[in-house]
Amino acid sequence: MNIKQAFQMAIKDRAFLAVVIVMIALVLIMVMTTALHIHPSELQVPVRFSSFSFQRYYTDKWYYLLSFVLLGIIMMVAHIFIALKLYLQKGRELALMFMWLGVSIVVIAAITIVAIFRVVLFTQ
């Protein structure tokens, strides 16, 4: 079986399809939140924190924040394809567990992005 056949088979499974829809919705919310918070400007925004140096906040251009959105999109696509492959080879339960793990990672990434935007908001 190839990915297309696996996708057709997985669409018939309501639980798997629901988890995929939850992940897509979370990534879309993350993209919209990022689109609302990123403002192109000449200001440097904090992108990294280190307690081991004299300069605690490292700054970079505003478009560095777009990499977080790209992370969410790549993670979503990769998790869906890997879960489809797991669905074919190892069964439904492992694929569902892997997708829920992906959903939890997206939630943690969204919380991190919101925290980063709070820091950016205070520095502008």
PDB file of N, CA and C in Angstrom:
ATOM      1  N   MET A   1       0.833  -1.193   0.000  1.00  0.00           N
ATOM      2  CA  MET A   1       0.000   0.000   0.000  1.00  0.00           C
ATOM      3  C   MET A   1       0.873   1.250   0.000  1.00  0.00           C
ATOM      4  N   ASN A   2       0.373   2.269  -0.625  1.00  0.00           N
ATOM      5  CA  ASN A   2       1.087   3.536  -0.604  1.00  0.00           C
ATOM      6  C   ASN A   2       0.350   4.530   0.299  1.00  0.00           C
ATOM      7  N   ILE A   3       0.868   5.738   0.335  1.00  0.00           N
ATOM      8  CA  ILE A   3       0.321   6.751   1.232  1.00  0.00           C
ATOM      9  C   ILE A   3      -1.112   7.118   0.854  1.00  0.00           C
ATOM     10  N   LYS A   4      -1.397   7.167  -0.431  1.00  0.00           N
ATOM     11  CA  LYS A   4      -2.748   7.532  -0.873  1.00  0.00           C
ATOM     12  C   LYS A   4      -3.776   6.513  -0.384  1.00  0.00           C
ATOM     13  N   GLN A   5      -3.456   5.243  -0.509  1.00  0.00           N
ATOM     14  CA  GLN A   5      -4.362   4.203  -0.034  1.00  0.00           C
ATOM     15  C   GLN A   5      -4.483   4.239   1.491  1.00  0.00           C
ATOM     16  N   ALA A   6      -3.377   4.521   2.168  1.00  0.00           N
ATOM     17  CA  ALA A   6      -3.420   4.623   3.628  1.00  0.00           C
ATOM     18  C   ALA A   6      -4.281   5.801   4.057  1.00  0.00           C
ATOM     19  N   PHE A   7      -4.178   6.898   3.324  1.00  0.00           N
ATOM     20  CA  PHE A   7      -4.985   8.073   3.644  1.00  0.00           C
ATOM     21  C   PHE A   7      -6.470   7.771   3.458  1.00  0.00           C
ATOM     22  N   GLN A   8      -6.827   7.068   2.389  1.00  0.00           N
ATOM     23  CA  GLN A   8      -8.219   6.699   2.166  1.00  0.00           C
ATOM     24  C   GLN A   8      -8.723   5.762   3.260  1.00  0.00           C
ATOM     25  N   MET A   9      -7.855   4.864   3.705  1.00  0.00           N
ATOM     26  CA  MET A   9      -8.230   3.949   4.770  1.00  0.00           C
ATOM     27  C   MET A   9      -8.373   4.677   6.110  1.00  0.00           C
ATOM     28  N   ALA A  10      -7.490   5.639   6.353  1.00  0.00           N
ATOM     29  CA  ALA A  10      -7.526   6.369   7.624  1.00  0.00           C
ATOM     30  C   ALA A  10      -8.702   7.326   7.696  1.00  0.00           C
ATOM     31  N   ILE A  11      -9.146   7.844   6.566  1.00  0.00           N
ATOM     32  CA  ILE A  11     -10.302   8.750   6.570  1.00  0.00           C
ATOM     33  C   ILE A  11     -11.552   8.023   7.061  1.00  0.00           C
ATOM     34  N   LYS A  12     -11.635   6.742   6.796  1.00  0.00           N
ATOM     35  CA  LYS A  12     -12.796   5.961   7.237  1.00  0.00           C
ATOM     36  C   LYS A  12     -12.795   5.733   8.748  1.00  0.00           C
ATOM     37  N   ASP A  13     -11.633   5.873   9.379  1.00  0.00           N
ATOM     38  CA  ASP A  13     -11.503   5.712  10.829  1.00  0.00           C
ATOM     39  C   ASP A  13     -11.789   7.061  11.494  1.00  0.00           C
ATOM     40  N   ARG A  14     -12.910   7.168  12.177  1.00  0.00           N
ATOM     41  CA  ARG A  14     -13.341   8.462  12.732  1.00  0.00           C
ATOM     42  C   ARG A  14     -12.415   8.983  13.819  1.00  0.00           C
ATOM     43  N   ALA A  15     -11.900   8.120  14.645  1.00  0.00           N
ATOM     44  CA  ALA A  15     -11.023   8.572  15.725  1.00  0.00           C
ATOM     45  C   ALA A  15      -9.729   9.154  15.161  1.00  0.00           C
ATOM     46  N   PHE A  16      -9.153   8.477  14.192  1.00  0.00           N
ATOM     47  CA  PHE A  16      -7.916   8.969  13.570  1.00  0.00           C
ATOM     48  C   PHE A  16      -8.172  10.289  12.859  1.00  0.00           C
ATOM     49  N   LEU A  17      -9.273  10.360  12.134  1.00  0.00           N
ATOM     50  CA  LEU A  17      -9.617  11.585  11.420  1.00  0.00           C
ATOM     51  C   LEU A  17      -9.865  12.742  12.395  1.00  0.00           C
ATOM     52  N   ALA A  18     -10.471  12.453  13.533  1.00  0.00           N
ATOM     53  CA  ALA A  18     -10.714  13.501  14.533  1.00  0.00           C
ATOM     54  C   ALA A  18      -9.405  14.062  15.085  1.00  0.00           C
ATOM     55  N   VAL A  19      -8.444  13.192  15.342  1.00  0.00           N
ATOM     56  CA  VAL A  19      -7.155  13.660  15.860  1.00  0.00           C
ATOM     57  C   VAL A  19      -6.419  14.478  14.798  1.00  0.00           C
ATOM     58  N   VAL A  20      -6.509  14.064  13.547  1.00  0.00           N
ATOM     59  CA  VAL A  20      -5.890  14.831  12.467  1.00  0.00           C
ATOM     60  C   VAL A  20      -6.537  16.213  12.371  1.00  0.00           C
ATOM     61  N   ILE A  21      -7.861  16.275  12.481  1.00  0.00           N
ATOM     62  CA  ILE A  21      -8.566  17.561  12.426  1.00  0.00           C
ATOM     63  C   ILE A  21      -8.182  18.439  13.607  1.00  0.00           C
ATOM     64  N   VAL A  22      -8.036  17.852  14.796  1.00  0.00           N
ATOM     65  CA  VAL A  22      -7.603  18.621  15.976  1.00  0.00           C
ATOM     66  C   VAL A  22      -6.213  19.205  15.740  1.00  0.00           C
ATOM     67  N   MET A  23      -5.303  18.403  15.187  1.00  0.00           N
ATOM     68  CA  MET A  23      -3.950  18.908  14.945  1.00  0.00           C
ATOM     69  C   MET A  23      -3.959  20.026  13.902  1.00  0.00           C
ATOM     70  N   ILE A  24      -4.711  19.860  12.839  1.00  0.00           N
ATOM     71  CA  ILE A  24      -4.787  20.896  11.805  1.00  0.00           C
ATOM     72  C   ILE A  24      -5.382  22.175  12.384  1.00  0.00           C
ATOM     73  N   ALA A  25      -6.419  22.049  13.210  1.00  0.00           N
ATOM     74  CA  ALA A  25      -7.038  23.229  13.826  1.00  0.00           C
ATOM     75  C   ALA A  25      -6.058  23.947  14.747  1.00  0.00           C
ATOM     76  N   LEU A  26      -5.299  23.193  15.536  1.00  0.00           N
ATOM     77  CA  LEU A  26      -4.325  23.816  16.430  1.00  0.00           C
ATOM     78  C   LEU A  26      -3.236  24.554  15.660  1.00  0.00           C
ATOM     79  N   VAL A  27      -2.768  23.956  14.577  1.00  0.00           N
ATOM     80  CA  VAL A  27      -1.735  24.621  13.776  1.00  0.00           C
ATOM     81  C   VAL A  27      -2.308  25.866  13.106  1.00  0.00           C
ATOM     82  N   LEU A  28      -3.555  25.808  12.644  1.00  0.00           N
ATOM     83  CA  LEU A  28      -4.177  27.001  12.062  1.00  0.00           C
ATOM     84  C   LEU A  28      -4.334  28.112  13.095  1.00  0.00           C
ATOM     85  N   ILE A  29      -4.701  27.760  14.316  1.00  0.00           N
ATOM     86  CA  ILE A  29      -4.803  28.758  15.386  1.00  0.00           C
ATOM     87  C   ILE A  29      -3.433  29.358  15.670  1.00  0.00           C
ATOM     88  N   MET A  30      -2.409  28.506  15.666  1.00  0.00           N
ATOM     89  CA  MET A  30      -1.044  28.992  15.897  1.00  0.00           C
ATOM     90  C   MET A  30      -0.609  29.940  14.782  1.00  0.00           C
ATOM     91  N   VAL A  31      -0.946  29.623  13.542  1.00  0.00           N
ATOM     92  CA  VAL A  31      -0.596  30.487  12.413  1.00  0.00           C
ATOM     93  C   VAL A  31      -1.331  31.817  12.510  1.00  0.00           C
ATOM     94  N   MET A  32      -2.619  31.779  12.844  1.00  0.00           N
ATOM     95  CA  MET A  32      -3.388  33.030  12.960  1.00  0.00           C
ATOM     96  C   MET A  32      -2.894  33.885  14.117  1.00  0.00           C
ATOM     97  N   THR A  33      -2.576  33.259  15.236  1.00  0.00           N
ATOM     98  CA  THR A  33      -2.053  34.001  16.379  1.00  0.00           C
ATOM     99  C   THR A  33      -0.737  34.669  16.025  1.00  0.00           C
ATOM    100  N   THR A  34       0.102  33.952  15.337  1.00  0.00           N
ATOM    101  CA  THR A  34       1.385  34.515  14.929  1.00  0.00           C
ATOM    102  C   THR A  34       1.189  35.654  13.936  1.00  0.00           C
ATOM    103  N   ALA A  35       0.268  35.474  13.004  1.00  0.00           N
ATOM    104  CA  ALA A  35       0.010  36.529  12.018  1.00  0.00           C
ATOM    105  C   ALA A  35      -0.502  37.805  12.684  1.00  0.00           C
ATOM    106  N   LEU A  36      -1.249  37.672  13.773  1.00  0.00           N
ATOM    107  CA  LEU A  36      -1.760  38.849  14.473  1.00  0.00           C
ATOM    108  C   LEU A  36      -0.694  39.527  15.321  1.00  0.00           C
ATOM    109  N   HIS A  37       0.297  38.781  15.782  1.00  0.00           N
ATOM    110  CA  HIS A  37       1.286  39.339  16.694  1.00  0.00           C
ATOM    111  C   HIS A  37       2.565  39.841  16.026  1.00  0.00           C
ATOM    112  N   ILE A  38       2.858  39.359  14.839  1.00  0.00           N
ATOM    113  CA  ILE A  38       4.082  39.792  14.174  1.00  0.00           C
ATOM    114  C   ILE A  38       3.819  41.094  13.437  1.00  0.00           C
ATOM    115  N   HIS A  39       4.637  42.091  13.732  1.00  0.00           N
ATOM    116  CA  HIS A  39       4.545  43.381  13.069  1.00  0.00           C
ATOM    117  C   HIS A  39       5.903  43.695  12.450  1.00  0.00           C
ATOM    118  N   PRO A  40       5.950  43.807  11.128  1.00  0.00           N
ATOM    119  CA  PRO A  40       7.232  44.138  10.491  1.00  0.00           C
ATOM    120  C   PRO A  40       7.714  45.518  10.931  1.00  0.00           C
ATOM    121  N   SER A  41       8.938  45.571  11.386  1.00  0.00           N
ATOM    122  CA  SER A  41       9.517  46.846  11.803  1.00  0.00           C
ATOM    123  C   SER A  41      11.031  46.719  11.780  1.00  0.00           C
ATOM    124  N   GLU A  42      11.676  47.813  12.028  1.00  0.00           N
ATOM    125  CA  GLU A  42      13.136  47.823  12.073  1.00  0.00           C
ATOM    126  C   GLU A  42      13.667  47.447  13.454  1.00  0.00           C
ATOM    127  N   LEU A  43      12.764  47.313  14.406  1.00  0.00           N
ATOM    128  CA  LEU A  43      13.183  46.964  15.759  1.00  0.00           C
ATOM    129  C   LEU A  43      13.678  45.524  15.828  1.00  0.00           C
ATOM    130  N   GLN A  44      14.656  45.317  16.676  1.00  0.00           N
ATOM    131  CA  GLN A  44      15.132  43.965  16.944  1.00  0.00           C
ATOM    132  C   GLN A  44      14.224  43.362  18.012  1.00  0.00           C
ATOM    133  N   VAL A  45      13.851  42.108  17.841  1.00  0.00           N
ATOM    134  CA  VAL A  45      12.995  41.435  18.810  1.00  0.00           C
ATOM    135  C   VAL A  45      13.791  40.359  19.528  1.00  0.00           C
ATOM    136  N   PRO A  46      13.489  40.128  20.803  1.00  0.00           N
ATOM    137  CA  PRO A  46      14.197  39.062  21.522  1.00  0.00           C
ATOM    138  C   PRO A  46      13.776  37.698  20.989  1.00  0.00           C
ATOM    139  N   VAL A  47      14.747  36.860  20.728  1.00  0.00           N
ATOM    140  CA  VAL A  47      14.461  35.538  20.178  1.00  0.00           C
ATOM    141  C   VAL A  47      15.011  34.403  21.035  1.00  0.00           C
ATOM    142  N   ARG A  48      15.913  34.731  21.957  1.00  0.00           N
ATOM    143  CA  ARG A  48      16.529  33.682  22.762  1.00  0.00           C
ATOM    144  C   ARG A  48      16.919  34.276  24.108  1.00  0.00           C
ATOM    145  N   PHE A  49      16.851  33.455  25.144  1.00  0.00           N
ATOM    146  CA  PHE A  49      17.231  33.869  26.488  1.00  0.00           C
ATOM    147  C   PHE A  49      18.303  32.929  26.999  1.00  0.00           C
ATOM    148  N   SER A  50      19.291  33.493  27.653  1.00  0.00           N
ATOM    149  CA  SER A  50      20.332  32.673  28.248  1.00  0.00           C
ATOM    150  C   SER A  50      20.714  33.277  29.593  1.00  0.00           C
ATOM    151  N   SER A  51      20.742  32.460  30.605  1.00  0.00           N
ATOM    152  CA  SER A  51      21.149  32.949  31.917  1.00  0.00           C
ATOM    153  C   SER A  51      22.650  32.763  32.138  1.00  0.00           C
ATOM    154  N   PHE A  52      23.350  32.259  31.135  1.00  0.00           N
ATOM    155  CA  PHE A  52      24.776  31.992  31.258  1.00  0.00           C
ATOM    156  C   PHE A  52      25.659  33.069  30.630  1.00  0.00           C
ATOM    157  N   SER A  53      25.076  34.153  30.198  1.00  0.00           N
ATOM    158  CA  SER A  53      25.886  35.199  29.580  1.00  0.00           C
ATOM    159  C   SER A  53      25.500  36.553  30.162  1.00  0.00           C
ATOM    160  N   PHE A  54      26.314  37.553  29.881  1.00  0.00           N
ATOM    161  CA  PHE A  54      26.023  38.897  30.361  1.00  0.00           C
ATOM    162  C   PHE A  54      24.837  39.490  29.619  1.00  0.00           C
ATOM    163  N   GLN A  55      24.728  39.153  28.354  1.00  0.00           N
ATOM    164  CA  GLN A  55      23.602  39.620  27.567  1.00  0.00           C
ATOM    165  C   GLN A  55      22.514  38.548  27.656  1.00  0.00           C
ATOM    166  N   ARG A  56      21.508  38.770  28.466  1.00  0.00           N
ATOM    167  CA  ARG A  56      20.512  37.741  28.723  1.00  0.00           C
ATOM    168  C   ARG A  56      19.591  37.490  27.526  1.00  0.00           C
ATOM    169  N   TYR A  57      19.159  38.536  26.861  1.00  0.00           N
ATOM    170  CA  TYR A  57      18.275  38.401  25.707  1.00  0.00           C
ATOM    171  C   TYR A  57      19.061  38.627  24.425  1.00  0.00           C
ATOM    172  N   TYR A  58      18.946  37.683  23.513  1.00  0.00           N
ATOM    173  CA  TYR A  58      19.557  37.828  22.204  1.00  0.00           C
ATOM    174  C   TYR A  58      18.480  38.296  21.244  1.00  0.00           C
ATOM    175  N   THR A  59      18.809  39.241  20.399  1.00  0.00           N
ATOM    176  CA  THR A  59      17.813  39.813  19.502  1.00  0.00           C
ATOM    177  C   THR A  59      18.139  39.487  18.050  1.00  0.00           C
ATOM    178  N   ASP A  60      17.103  39.570  17.229  1.00  0.00           N
ATOM    179  CA  ASP A  60      17.246  39.318  15.808  1.00  0.00           C
ATOM    180  C   ASP A  60      16.128  40.071  15.086  1.00  0.00           C
ATOM    181  N   LYS A  61      16.080  39.967  13.781  1.00  0.00           N
ATOM    182  CA  LYS A  61      15.056  40.631  12.984  1.00  0.00           C
ATOM    183  C   LYS A  61      13.685  40.034  13.264  1.00  0.00           C
ATOM    184  N   TRP A  62      12.631  40.774  12.930  1.00  0.00           N
ATOM    185  CA  TRP A  62      11.266  40.351  13.216  1.00  0.00           C
ATOM    186  C   TRP A  62      10.890  39.071  12.471  1.00  0.00           C
ATOM    187  N   TYR A  63      11.444  38.837  11.291  1.00  0.00           N
ATOM    188  CA  TYR A  63      11.033  37.674  10.514  1.00  0.00           C
ATOM    189  C   TYR A  63      11.595  36.367  11.072  1.00  0.00           C
ATOM    190  N   TYR A  64      12.461  36.441  12.070  1.00  0.00           N
ATOM    191  CA  TYR A  64      12.926  35.235  12.750  1.00  0.00           C
ATOM    192  C   TYR A  64      11.752  34.519  13.431  1.00  0.00           C
ATOM    193  N   LEU A  65      10.753  35.288  13.854  1.00  0.00           N
ATOM    194  CA  LEU A  65       9.591  34.710  14.526  1.00  0.00           C
ATOM    195  C   LEU A  65       8.750  33.846  13.595  1.00  0.00           C
ATOM    196  N   LEU A  66       8.886  34.047  12.289  1.00  0.00           N
ATOM    197  CA  LEU A  66       8.146  33.216  11.340  1.00  0.00           C
ATOM    198  C   LEU A  66       8.632  31.769  11.354  1.00  0.00           C
ATOM    199  N   SER A  67       9.820  31.541  11.845  1.00  0.00           N
ATOM    200  CA  SER A  67      10.333  30.166  11.898  1.00  0.00           C
ATOM    201  C   SER A  67       9.508  29.296  12.849  1.00  0.00           C
ATOM    202  N   PHE A  68       8.877  29.908  13.839  1.00  0.00           N
ATOM    203  CA  PHE A  68       8.022  29.140  14.748  1.00  0.00           C
ATOM    204  C   PHE A  68       6.773  28.637  14.033  1.00  0.00           C
ATOM    205  N   VAL A  69       6.239  29.452  13.143  1.00  0.00           N
ATOM    206  CA  VAL A  69       5.089  29.026  12.348  1.00  0.00           C
ATOM    207  C   VAL A  69       5.499  27.902  11.411  1.00  0.00           C
ATOM    208  N   LEU A  70       6.643  28.063  10.796  1.00  0.00           N
ATOM    209  CA  LEU A  70       7.149  27.032   9.903  1.00  0.00           C
ATOM    210  C   LEU A  70       7.364  25.716  10.660  1.00  0.00           C
ATOM    211  N   LEU A  71       7.833  25.810  11.884  1.00  0.00           N
ATOM    212  CA  LEU A  71       8.001  24.620  12.718  1.00  0.00           C
ATOM    213  C   LEU A  71       6.667  23.904  12.904  1.00  0.00           C
ATOM    214  N   GLY A  72       5.615  24.648  13.215  1.00  0.00           N
ATOM    215  CA  GLY A  72       4.301  24.038  13.418  1.00  0.00           C
ATOM    216  C   GLY A  72       3.769  23.369  12.166  1.00  0.00           C
ATOM    217  N   ILE A  73       3.946  24.009  11.023  1.00  0.00           N
ATOM    218  CA  ILE A  73       3.443  23.447   9.769  1.00  0.00           C
ATOM    219  C   ILE A  73       4.218  22.190   9.391  1.00  0.00           C
ATOM    220  N   ILE A  74       5.532  22.244   9.500  1.00  0.00           N
ATOM    221  CA  ILE A  74       6.353  21.065   9.178  1.00  0.00           C
ATOM    222  C   ILE A  74       6.045  19.921  10.132  1.00  0.00           C
ATOM    223  N   MET A  75       5.871  20.247  11.401  1.00  0.00           N
ATOM    224  CA  MET A  75       5.561  19.223  12.389  1.00  0.00           C
ATOM    225  C   MET A  75       4.217  18.557  12.087  1.00  0.00           C
ATOM    226  N   MET A  76       3.225  19.360  11.707  1.00  0.00           N
ATOM    227  CA  MET A  76       1.905  18.816  11.393  1.00  0.00           C
ATOM    228  C   MET A  76       1.980  17.866  10.204  1.00  0.00           C
ATOM    229  N   VAL A  77       2.607  18.302   9.129  1.00  0.00           N
ATOM    230  CA  VAL A  77       2.696  17.468   7.924  1.00  0.00           C
ATOM    231  C   VAL A  77       3.480  16.193   8.209  1.00  0.00           C
ATOM    232  N   ALA A  78       4.598  16.322   8.894  1.00  0.00           N
ATOM    233  CA  ALA A  78       5.423  15.143   9.187  1.00  0.00           C
ATOM    234  C   ALA A  78       4.678  14.159  10.086  1.00  0.00           C
ATOM    235  N   HIS A  79       3.988  14.659  11.110  1.00  0.00           N
ATOM    236  CA  HIS A  79       3.265  13.760  11.999  1.00  0.00           C
ATOM    237  C   HIS A  79       2.130  13.034  11.275  1.00  0.00           C
ATOM    238  N   ILE A  80       1.451  13.722  10.379  1.00  0.00           N
ATOM    239  CA  ILE A  80       0.361  13.062   9.658  1.00  0.00           C
ATOM    240  C   ILE A  80       0.912  11.956   8.758  1.00  0.00           C
ATOM    241  N   PHE A  81       1.993  12.233   8.027  1.00  0.00           N
ATOM    242  CA  PHE A  81       2.545  11.206   7.149  1.00  0.00           C
ATOM    243  C   PHE A  81       3.148  10.041   7.931  1.00  0.00           C
ATOM    244  N   ILE A  82       3.824  10.324   9.017  1.00  0.00           N
ATOM    245  CA  ILE A  82       4.388   9.236   9.830  1.00  0.00           C
ATOM    246  C   ILE A  82       3.267   8.421  10.467  1.00  0.00           C
ATOM    247  N   ALA A  83       2.212   9.090  10.912  1.00  0.00           N
ATOM    248  CA  ALA A  83       1.083   8.368  11.504  1.00  0.00           C
ATOM    249  C   ALA A  83       0.385   7.498  10.461  1.00  0.00           C
ATOM    250  N   LEU A  84       0.291   7.974   9.230  1.00  0.00           N
ATOM    251  CA  LEU A  84      -0.285   7.137   8.175  1.00  0.00           C
ATOM    252  C   LEU A  84       0.567   5.898   7.927  1.00  0.00           C
ATOM    253  N   LYS A  85       1.864   6.085   7.936  1.00  0.00           N
ATOM    254  CA  LYS A  85       2.768   4.950   7.751  1.00  0.00           C
ATOM    255  C   LYS A  85       2.635   3.963   8.928  1.00  0.00           C
ATOM    256  N   LEU A  86       2.536   4.500  10.138  1.00  0.00           N
ATOM    257  CA  LEU A  86       2.330   3.640  11.304  1.00  0.00           C
ATOM    258  C   LEU A  86       0.977   2.927  11.235  1.00  0.00           C
ATOM    259  N   TYR A  87      -0.018   3.624  10.722  1.00  0.00           N
ATOM    260  CA  TYR A  87      -1.350   3.039  10.581  1.00  0.00           C
ATOM    261  C   TYR A  87      -1.298   1.801   9.694  1.00  0.00           C
ATOM    262  N   LEU A  88      -0.506   1.894   8.651  1.00  0.00           N
ATOM    263  CA  LEU A  88      -0.376   0.751   7.742  1.00  0.00           C
ATOM    264  C   LEU A  88       0.433  -0.389   8.348  1.00  0.00           C
ATOM    265  N   GLN A  89       1.552  -0.070   8.950  1.00  0.00           N
ATOM    266  CA  GLN A  89       2.483  -1.114   9.351  1.00  0.00           C
ATOM    267  C   GLN A  89       2.264  -1.640  10.766  1.00  0.00           C
ATOM    268  N   LYS A  90       1.900  -0.765  11.698  1.00  0.00           N
ATOM    269  CA  LYS A  90       1.816  -1.197  13.095  1.00  0.00           C
ATOM    270  C   LYS A  90       0.401  -1.205  13.658  1.00  0.00           C
ATOM    271  N   GLY A  91      -0.532  -0.594  12.950  1.00  0.00           N
ATOM    272  CA  GLY A  91      -1.908  -0.642  13.416  1.00  0.00           C
ATOM    273  C   GLY A  91      -2.435   0.700  13.877  1.00  0.00           C
ATOM    274  N   ARG A  92      -3.725   0.691  14.148  1.00  0.00           N
ATOM    275  CA  ARG A  92      -4.467   1.901  14.483  1.00  0.00           C
ATOM    276  C   ARG A  92      -4.052   2.506  15.822  1.00  0.00           C
ATOM    277  N   GLU A  93      -3.843   1.684  16.834  1.00  0.00           N
ATOM    278  CA  GLU A  93      -3.571   2.185  18.179  1.00  0.00           C
ATOM    279  C   GLU A  93      -2.270   2.980  18.243  1.00  0.00           C
ATOM    280  N   LEU A  94      -1.225   2.466  17.630  1.00  0.00           N
ATOM    281  CA  LEU A  94       0.062   3.167  17.640  1.00  0.00           C
ATOM    282  C   LEU A  94      -0.015   4.462  16.844  1.00  0.00           C
ATOM    283  N   ALA A  95      -0.744   4.444  15.738  1.00  0.00           N
ATOM    284  CA  ALA A  95      -0.902   5.662  14.940  1.00  0.00           C
ATOM    285  C   ALA A  95      -1.677   6.728  15.721  1.00  0.00           C
ATOM    286  N   LEU A  96      -2.721   6.312  16.430  1.00  0.00           N
ATOM    287  CA  LEU A  96      -3.476   7.270  17.251  1.00  0.00           C
ATOM    288  C   LEU A  96      -2.623   7.841  18.376  1.00  0.00           C
ATOM    289  N   MET A  97      -1.843   6.986  19.020  1.00  0.00           N
ATOM    290  CA  MET A  97      -0.979   7.459  20.088  1.00  0.00           C
ATOM    291  C   MET A  97       0.052   8.458  19.553  1.00  0.00           C
ATOM    292  N   PHE A  98       0.604   8.165  18.387  1.00  0.00           N
ATOM    293  CA  PHE A  98       1.577   9.061  17.782  1.00  0.00           C
ATOM    294  C   PHE A  98       0.941  10.402  17.424  1.00  0.00           C
ATOM    295  N   MET A  99      -0.284  10.384  16.929  1.00  0.00           N
ATOM    296  CA  MET A  99      -0.965  11.635  16.592  1.00  0.00           C
ATOM    297  C   MET A  99      -1.279  12.444  17.851  1.00  0.00           C
ATOM    298  N   TRP A 100      -1.696  11.783  18.934  1.00  0.00           N
ATOM    299  CA  TRP A 100      -1.945  12.520  20.179  1.00  0.00           C
ATOM    300  C   TRP A 100      -0.651  13.096  20.739  1.00  0.00           C
ATOM    301  N   LEU A 101       0.446  12.389  20.562  1.00  0.00           N
ATOM    302  CA  LEU A 101       1.741  12.927  20.958  1.00  0.00           C
ATOM    303  C   LEU A 101       2.059  14.182  20.140  1.00  0.00           C
ATOM    304  N   GLY A 102       1.770  14.135  18.860  1.00  0.00           N
ATOM    305  CA  GLY A 102       1.969  15.303  18.003  1.00  0.00           C
ATOM    306  C   GLY A 102       1.095  16.477  18.416  1.00  0.00           C
ATOM    307  N   VAL A 103      -0.148  16.198  18.796  1.00  0.00           N
ATOM    308  CA  VAL A 103      -1.045  17.260  19.265  1.00  0.00           C
ATOM    309  C   VAL A 103      -0.485  17.898  20.527  1.00  0.00           C
ATOM    310  N   SER A 104       0.037  17.083  21.436  1.00  0.00           N
ATOM    311  CA  SER A 104       0.600  17.640  22.672  1.00  0.00           C
ATOM    312  C   SER A 104       1.845  18.476  22.378  1.00  0.00           C
ATOM    313  N   ILE A 105       2.648  18.075  21.415  1.00  0.00           N
ATOM    314  CA  ILE A 105       3.826  18.862  21.042  1.00  0.00           C
ATOM    315  C   ILE A 105       3.409  20.191  20.433  1.00  0.00           C
ATOM    316  N   VAL A 106       2.362  20.189  19.611  1.00  0.00           N
ATOM    317  CA  VAL A 106       1.867  21.438  19.028  1.00  0.00           C
ATOM    318  C   VAL A 106       1.333  22.362  20.115  1.00  0.00           C
ATOM    319  N   VAL A 107       0.660  21.812  21.116  1.00  0.00           N
ATOM    320  CA  VAL A 107       0.163  22.631  22.226  1.00  0.00           C
ATOM    321  C   VAL A 107       1.330  23.262  22.989  1.00  0.00           C
ATOM    322  N   ILE A 108       2.367  22.487  23.256  1.00  0.00           N
ATOM    323  CA  ILE A 108       3.547  23.028  23.947  1.00  0.00           C
ATOM    324  C   ILE A 108       4.219  24.098  23.096  1.00  0.00           C
ATOM    325  N   ALA A 109       4.302  23.877  21.792  1.00  0.00           N
ATOM    326  CA  ALA A 109       4.892  24.880  20.897  1.00  0.00           C
ATOM    327  C   ALA A 109       4.055  26.151  20.883  1.00  0.00           C
ATOM    328  N   ALA A 110       2.733  26.018  20.904  1.00  0.00           N
ATOM    329  CA  ALA A 110       1.857  27.204  20.918  1.00  0.00           C
ATOM    330  C   ALA A 110       2.023  27.986  22.213  1.00  0.00           C
ATOM    331  N   ILE A 111       2.139  27.295  23.332  1.00  0.00           N
ATOM    332  CA  ILE A 111       2.357  27.976  24.613  1.00  0.00           C
ATOM    333  C   ILE A 111       3.694  28.707  24.597  1.00  0.00           C
ATOM    334  N   THR A 112       4.711  28.084  24.028  1.00  0.00           N
ATOM    335  CA  THR A 112       6.023  28.727  23.920  1.00  0.00           C
ATOM    336  C   THR A 112       5.962  29.953  23.023  1.00  0.00           C
ATOM    337  N   ILE A 113       5.251  29.865  21.921  1.00  0.00           N
ATOM    338  CA  ILE A 113       5.127  31.001  21.015  1.00  0.00           C
ATOM    339  C   ILE A 113       4.417  32.166  21.685  1.00  0.00           C
ATOM    340  N   VAL A 114       3.358  31.879  22.422  1.00  0.00           N
ATOM    341  CA  VAL A 114       2.651  32.950  23.140  1.00  0.00           C
ATOM    342  C   VAL A 114       3.568  33.601  24.170  1.00  0.00           C
ATOM    343  N   ALA A 115       4.376  32.803  24.861  1.00  0.00           N
ATOM    344  CA  ALA A 115       5.323  33.368  25.829  1.00  0.00           C
ATOM    345  C   ALA A 115       6.359  34.242  25.145  1.00  0.00           C
ATOM    346  N   ILE A 116       6.835  33.817  23.996  1.00  0.00           N
ATOM    347  CA  ILE A 116       7.800  34.620  23.250  1.00  0.00           C
ATOM    348  C   ILE A 116       7.163  35.932  22.804  1.00  0.00           C
ATOM    349  N   PHE A 117       5.925  35.885  22.363  1.00  0.00           N
ATOM    350  CA  PHE A 117       5.256  37.115  21.940  1.00  0.00           C
ATOM    351  C   PHE A 117       4.999  38.072  23.098  1.00  0.00           C
ATOM    352  N   ARG A 118       4.809  37.549  24.287  1.00  0.00           N
ATOM    353  CA  ARG A 118       4.684  38.426  25.459  1.00  0.00           C
ATOM    354  C   ARG A 118       5.993  39.192  25.694  1.00  0.00           C
ATOM    355  N   VAL A 119       7.102  38.494  25.570  1.00  0.00           N
ATOM    356  CA  VAL A 119       8.397  39.157  25.753  1.00  0.00           C
ATOM    357  C   VAL A 119       8.612  40.185  24.652  1.00  0.00           C
ATOM    358  N   VAL A 120       8.260  39.839  23.416  1.00  0.00           N
ATOM    359  CA  VAL A 120       8.399  40.774  22.308  1.00  0.00           C
ATOM    360  C   VAL A 120       7.519  41.997  22.519  1.00  0.00           C
ATOM    361  N   LEU A 121       6.320  41.801  23.032  1.00  0.00           N
ATOM    362  CA  LEU A 121       5.391  42.898  23.272  1.00  0.00           C
ATOM    363  C   LEU A 121       5.961  43.881  24.298  1.00  0.00           C
ATOM    364  N   PHE A 122       6.622  43.360  25.330  1.00  0.00           N
ATOM    365  CA  PHE A 122       7.166  44.245  26.348  1.00  0.00           C
ATOM    366  C   PHE A 122       8.408  45.012  25.888  1.00  0.00           C
ATOM    367  N   THR A 123       9.098  44.498  24.893  1.00  0.00           N
ATOM    368  CA  THR A 123      10.320  45.169  24.445  1.00  0.00           C
ATOM    369  C   THR A 123      10.056  46.195  23.350  1.00  0.00           C
ATOM    370  N   GLN A 124       8.872  46.187  22.760  1.00  0.00           N
ATOM    371  CA  GLN A 124       8.608  47.149  21.681  1.00  0.00           C
ATOM    372  C   GLN A 124       7.974  48.413  22.200  1.00  0.00           C
TER     373      GLN A 124
END
